[in-house]
């Protein structure tokens, strides 16, 4: 898989949660083009074609970002703020997946432009079903705007 073939960007520092997420997406045949990064800084480098991802093209943004809230280096709300604040990335659906039950985290995420906020179920089977359903919705059922890809191409060439 090349850096330009990523459909799902999974930003998760907890290895166990990441493995469960990948497992659930594989069960739904949705994990073929998934990239897992472990902190917010690495996510931003991927999304904005910097650092180790400098050769990646803005013309191929991920179709979905699964973003944990509490991350090392750069937290999930800062990643969300940067994604939704940039014309090249603002239409990428961002699903906050967190164990936080705090109302302020939920409100802040939506105020910053999150497309969905999901509290990670503690139950293994519910976790698998939740992730599979999220993947199916955002990758298969949801219709993204065509303009987003054109806008990204236009800004990248500017």
C-alpha atoms as a PDB file:
ATOM      1  CA  UNK A   1       0.000   0.000   0.000  1.00  0.00           C
ATOM      2  CA  UNK A   2       1.367   3.413  -0.912  1.00  0.00           C
ATOM      3  CA  UNK A   3       0.892   6.509   1.216  1.00  0.00           C
ATOM      4  CA  UNK A   4      -1.583   7.753  -1.391  1.00  0.00           C
ATOM      5  CA  UNK A   5      -3.854   4.711  -1.115  1.00  0.00           C
ATOM      6  CA  UNK A   6      -5.095   5.291   2.440  1.00  0.00           C
ATOM      7  CA  UNK A   7      -8.885   5.244   2.859  1.00  0.00           C
ATOM      8  CA  UNK A   8      -8.891   5.162   6.665  1.00  0.00           C
ATOM      9  CA  UNK A   9      -6.459   7.001   8.904  1.00  0.00           C
ATOM     10  CA  UNK A  10      -6.623   5.461  12.373  1.00  0.00           C
ATOM     11  CA  UNK A  11      -5.099   7.716  15.023  1.00  0.00           C
ATOM     12  CA  UNK A  12      -4.886   5.634  18.193  1.00  0.00           C
ATOM     13  CA  UNK A  13      -2.142   5.358  20.805  1.00  0.00           C
ATOM     14  CA  UNK A  14      -3.615   2.338  22.611  1.00  0.00           C
ATOM     15  CA  UNK A  15      -2.286  -0.717  20.761  1.00  0.00           C
ATOM     16  CA  UNK A  16      -5.088  -2.978  22.003  1.00  0.00           C
ATOM     17  CA  UNK A  17      -7.817  -0.574  20.824  1.00  0.00           C
ATOM     18  CA  UNK A  18      -6.019  -0.171  17.488  1.00  0.00           C
ATOM     19  CA  UNK A  19      -5.837  -3.938  16.989  1.00  0.00           C
ATOM     20  CA  UNK A  20      -9.537  -4.322  17.841  1.00  0.00           C
ATOM     21  CA  UNK A  21     -10.426  -1.532  15.428  1.00  0.00           C
ATOM     22  CA  UNK A  22      -8.404  -3.053  12.596  1.00  0.00           C
ATOM     23  CA  UNK A  23      -9.899  -6.480  13.355  1.00  0.00           C
ATOM     24  CA  UNK A  24     -13.449  -5.084  13.199  1.00  0.00           C
ATOM     25  CA  UNK A  25     -12.767  -3.270   9.934  1.00  0.00           C
ATOM     26  CA  UNK A  26     -11.218  -6.406   8.433  1.00  0.00           C
ATOM     27  CA  UNK A  27     -14.327  -8.379   9.374  1.00  0.00           C
ATOM     28  CA  UNK A  28     -16.297  -5.836   7.391  1.00  0.00           C
ATOM     29  CA  UNK A  29     -13.793  -5.970   4.489  1.00  0.00           C
ATOM     30  CA  UNK A  30     -12.939  -2.297   5.103  1.00  0.00           C
ATOM     31  CA  UNK A  31      -9.325  -2.417   6.313  1.00  0.00           C
ATOM     32  CA  UNK A  32      -7.416  -2.975   3.070  1.00  0.00           C
ATOM     33  CA  UNK A  33      -6.267   0.622   2.873  1.00  0.00           C
ATOM     34  CA  UNK A  34      -5.850   1.622   6.500  1.00  0.00           C
ATOM     35  CA  UNK A  35      -2.927   3.457   8.050  1.00  0.00           C
ATOM     36  CA  UNK A  36      -2.480   3.377  11.815  1.00  0.00           C
ATOM     37  CA  UNK A  37      -0.534   6.204  13.455  1.00  0.00           C
ATOM     38  CA  UNK A  38       0.078   6.414  17.198  1.00  0.00           C
ATOM     39  CA  UNK A  39       0.049  10.137  17.981  1.00  0.00           C
ATOM     40  CA  UNK A  40      -1.390  13.431  16.828  1.00  0.00           C
ATOM     41  CA  UNK A  41       1.881  14.721  15.468  1.00  0.00           C
ATOM     42  CA  UNK A  42       2.242  11.765  13.106  1.00  0.00           C
ATOM     43  CA  UNK A  43      -1.406  12.176  12.025  1.00  0.00           C
ATOM     44  CA  UNK A  44      -0.822  15.833  11.148  1.00  0.00           C
ATOM     45  CA  UNK A  45       2.353  14.969   9.245  1.00  0.00           C
ATOM     46  CA  UNK A  46       0.422  12.412   7.203  1.00  0.00           C
ATOM     47  CA  UNK A  47      -2.549  14.691   6.543  1.00  0.00           C
ATOM     48  CA  UNK A  48      -0.447  17.728   5.636  1.00  0.00           C
ATOM     49  CA  UNK A  49       2.270  15.838   3.736  1.00  0.00           C
ATOM     50  CA  UNK A  50       5.123  16.718   6.091  1.00  0.00           C
ATOM     51  CA  UNK A  51       7.926  14.883   7.889  1.00  0.00           C
ATOM     52  CA  UNK A  52       8.012  11.190   6.956  1.00  0.00           C
ATOM     53  CA  UNK A  53       5.051  11.809   4.621  1.00  0.00           C
ATOM     54  CA  UNK A  54       6.511  14.731   2.645  1.00  0.00           C
ATOM     55  CA  UNK A  55       6.229  12.773  -0.615  1.00  0.00           C
ATOM     56  CA  UNK A  56       2.534  12.002  -0.112  1.00  0.00           C
ATOM     57  CA  UNK A  57       0.085  13.859  -2.339  1.00  0.00           C
ATOM     58  CA  UNK A  58      -2.734  16.103  -1.138  1.00  0.00           C
ATOM     59  CA  UNK A  59      -4.705  14.775  -4.095  1.00  0.00           C
ATOM     60  CA  UNK A  60      -5.408  11.546  -2.205  1.00  0.00           C
ATOM     61  CA  UNK A  61      -6.787  12.408   1.233  1.00  0.00           C
ATOM     62  CA  UNK A  62      -8.131   9.600   3.389  1.00  0.00           C
ATOM     63  CA  UNK A  63     -11.864   9.024   3.130  1.00  0.00           C
ATOM     64  CA  UNK A  64     -12.205   8.760   6.911  1.00  0.00           C
ATOM     65  CA  UNK A  65     -10.250   9.679  10.033  1.00  0.00           C
ATOM     66  CA  UNK A  66     -10.861   7.641  13.189  1.00  0.00           C
ATOM     67  CA  UNK A  67      -9.389   9.862  15.879  1.00  0.00           C
ATOM     68  CA  UNK A  68      -8.766   9.186  19.550  1.00  0.00           C
ATOM     69  CA  UNK A  69      -9.162  12.164  21.855  1.00  0.00           C
ATOM     70  CA  UNK A  70      -6.309  11.618  24.280  1.00  0.00           C
ATOM     71  CA  UNK A  71      -3.090  11.259  22.291  1.00  0.00           C
ATOM     72  CA  UNK A  72       0.606  11.858  22.951  1.00  0.00           C
ATOM     73  CA  UNK A  73       2.461  14.839  21.413  1.00  0.00           C
ATOM     74  CA  UNK A  74      -0.629  16.523  19.891  1.00  0.00           C
ATOM     75  CA  UNK A  75      -4.044  15.687  21.332  1.00  0.00           C
ATOM     76  CA  UNK A  76      -7.081  14.720  19.276  1.00  0.00           C
ATOM     77  CA  UNK A  77      -8.862  18.059  19.644  1.00  0.00           C
ATOM     78  CA  UNK A  78      -5.856  19.892  18.197  1.00  0.00           C
ATOM     79  CA  UNK A  79      -5.694  17.441  15.275  1.00  0.00           C
ATOM     80  CA  UNK A  80      -9.426  17.945  14.719  1.00  0.00           C
ATOM     81  CA  UNK A  81      -9.038  21.731  14.849  1.00  0.00           C
ATOM     82  CA  UNK A  82      -6.256  21.651  12.232  1.00  0.00           C
ATOM     83  CA  UNK A  83      -8.126  19.245   9.935  1.00  0.00           C
ATOM     84  CA  UNK A  84     -11.380  21.191  10.015  1.00  0.00           C
ATOM     85  CA  UNK A  85      -9.584  24.541   9.786  1.00  0.00           C
ATOM     86  CA  UNK A  86      -7.821  23.815   6.497  1.00  0.00           C
ATOM     87  CA  UNK A  87      -9.682  23.978   3.166  1.00  0.00           C
ATOM     88  CA  UNK A  88      -7.690  20.994   1.867  1.00  0.00           C
ATOM     89  CA  UNK A  89      -8.855  18.668   4.632  1.00  0.00           C
ATOM     90  CA  UNK A  90     -12.028  20.181   6.104  1.00  0.00           C
ATOM     91  CA  UNK A  91     -14.425  17.842   4.278  1.00  0.00           C
ATOM     92  CA  UNK A  92     -12.732  14.625   5.445  1.00  0.00           C
ATOM     93  CA  UNK A  93     -15.119  12.965   7.901  1.00  0.00           C
ATOM     94  CA  UNK A  94     -13.607  12.787  11.374  1.00  0.00           C
ATOM     95  CA  UNK A  95     -15.044  10.321  13.860  1.00  0.00           C
ATOM     96  CA  UNK A  96     -13.874  10.856  17.409  1.00  0.00           C
ATOM     97  CA  UNK A  97     -13.474   7.454  19.071  1.00  0.00           C
ATOM     98  CA  UNK A  98     -12.735   7.828  22.736  1.00  0.00           C
ATOM     99  CA  UNK A  99     -13.296   6.349  26.141  1.00  0.00           C
ATOM    100  CA  UNK A 100     -14.075   9.822  27.502  1.00  0.00           C
ATOM    101  CA  UNK A 101     -17.536  10.173  29.008  1.00  0.00           C
ATOM    102  CA  UNK A 102     -17.028  13.902  29.627  1.00  0.00           C
ATOM    103  CA  UNK A 103     -19.761  16.152  28.240  1.00  0.00           C
ATOM    104  CA  UNK A 104     -17.195  18.915  27.643  1.00  0.00           C
ATOM    105  CA  UNK A 105     -15.133  16.604  25.389  1.00  0.00           C
ATOM    106  CA  UNK A 106     -18.240  15.747  23.379  1.00  0.00           C
ATOM    107  CA  UNK A 107     -19.284  19.406  23.003  1.00  0.00           C
ATOM    108  CA  UNK A 108     -15.788  20.598  22.170  1.00  0.00           C
ATOM    109  CA  UNK A 109     -15.394  17.910  19.512  1.00  0.00           C
ATOM    110  CA  UNK A 110     -18.639  18.869  17.806  1.00  0.00           C
ATOM    111  CA  UNK A 111     -17.864  22.578  18.122  1.00  0.00           C
ATOM    112  CA  UNK A 112     -14.551  21.947  16.347  1.00  0.00           C
ATOM    113  CA  UNK A 113     -16.301  20.143  13.499  1.00  0.00           C
ATOM    114  CA  UNK A 114     -16.281  16.434  14.390  1.00  0.00           C
ATOM    115  CA  UNK A 115     -18.664  14.476  12.181  1.00  0.00           C
ATOM    116  CA  UNK A 116     -19.362  11.930  14.888  1.00  0.00           C
ATOM    117  CA  UNK A 117     -18.412  11.220  18.499  1.00  0.00           C
ATOM    118  CA  UNK A 118     -18.382   7.631  19.671  1.00  0.00           C
ATOM    119  CA  UNK A 119     -17.614   6.413  23.152  1.00  0.00           C
ATOM    120  CA  UNK A 120     -15.663   3.185  22.834  1.00  0.00           C
ATOM    121  CA  UNK A 121     -17.808   0.362  24.160  1.00  0.00           C
ATOM    122  CA  UNK A 122     -16.164  -1.671  26.912  1.00  0.00           C
ATOM    123  CA  UNK A 123     -17.816  -4.865  25.692  1.00  0.00           C
ATOM    124  CA  UNK A 124     -15.633  -6.597  23.085  1.00  0.00           C
ATOM    125  CA  UNK A 125     -18.474  -7.632  20.761  1.00  0.00           C
ATOM    126  CA  UNK A 126     -20.139  -4.205  20.934  1.00  0.00           C
ATOM    127  CA  UNK A 127     -16.785  -2.554  20.160  1.00  0.00           C
ATOM    128  CA  UNK A 128     -16.364  -4.723  17.053  1.00  0.00           C
ATOM    129  CA  UNK A 129     -19.905  -4.036  15.844  1.00  0.00           C
ATOM    130  CA  UNK A 130     -19.626  -0.300  16.495  1.00  0.00           C
ATOM    131  CA  UNK A 131     -16.378   0.047  14.516  1.00  0.00           C
ATOM    132  CA  UNK A 132     -17.704  -2.091  11.658  1.00  0.00           C
ATOM    133  CA  UNK A 133     -20.899   0.010  11.475  1.00  0.00           C
ATOM    134  CA  UNK A 134     -18.910   3.266  11.509  1.00  0.00           C
ATOM    135  CA  UNK A 135     -16.685   2.029   8.699  1.00  0.00           C
ATOM    136  CA  UNK A 136     -19.607   0.842   6.585  1.00  0.00           C
ATOM    137  CA  UNK A 137     -21.440   4.117   6.993  1.00  0.00           C
ATOM    138  CA  UNK A 138     -18.563   6.479   6.196  1.00  0.00           C
ATOM    139  CA  UNK A 139     -16.910   4.395   3.461  1.00  0.00           C
ATOM    140  CA  UNK A 140     -19.874   2.765   1.731  1.00  0.00           C
ATOM    141  CA  UNK A 141     -23.145   4.549   2.537  1.00  0.00           C
ATOM    142  CA  UNK A 142     -22.083   8.181   2.974  1.00  0.00           C
ATOM    143  CA  UNK A 143     -21.751  10.273  -0.176  1.00  0.00           C
ATOM    144  CA  UNK A 144     -18.777  12.671   0.140  1.00  0.00           C
ATOM    145  CA  UNK A 145     -18.715  15.888  -1.870  1.00  0.00           C
ATOM    146  CA  UNK A 146     -16.865  15.642  -5.180  1.00  0.00           C
ATOM    147  CA  UNK A 147     -15.888  19.279  -4.757  1.00  0.00           C
ATOM    148  CA  UNK A 148     -13.635  18.369  -1.809  1.00  0.00           C
ATOM    149  CA  UNK A 149     -11.224  16.404  -3.985  1.00  0.00           C
ATOM    150  CA  UNK A 150     -11.211  19.149  -6.613  1.00  0.00           C
ATOM    151  CA  UNK A 151     -10.591  21.800  -3.961  1.00  0.00           C
ATOM    152  CA  UNK A 152      -7.671  19.784  -2.533  1.00  0.00           C
ATOM    153  CA  UNK A 153      -6.113  19.458  -5.975  1.00  0.00           C
ATOM    154  CA  UNK A 154      -6.534  23.174  -6.680  1.00  0.00           C
ATOM    155  CA  UNK A 155      -4.902  24.246  -3.410  1.00  0.00           C
ATOM    156  CA  UNK A 156      -2.070  21.741  -3.687  1.00  0.00           C
ATOM    157  CA  UNK A 157      -1.062  23.148  -7.058  1.00  0.00           C
ATOM    158  CA  UNK A 158      -1.226  26.780  -5.855  1.00  0.00           C
END
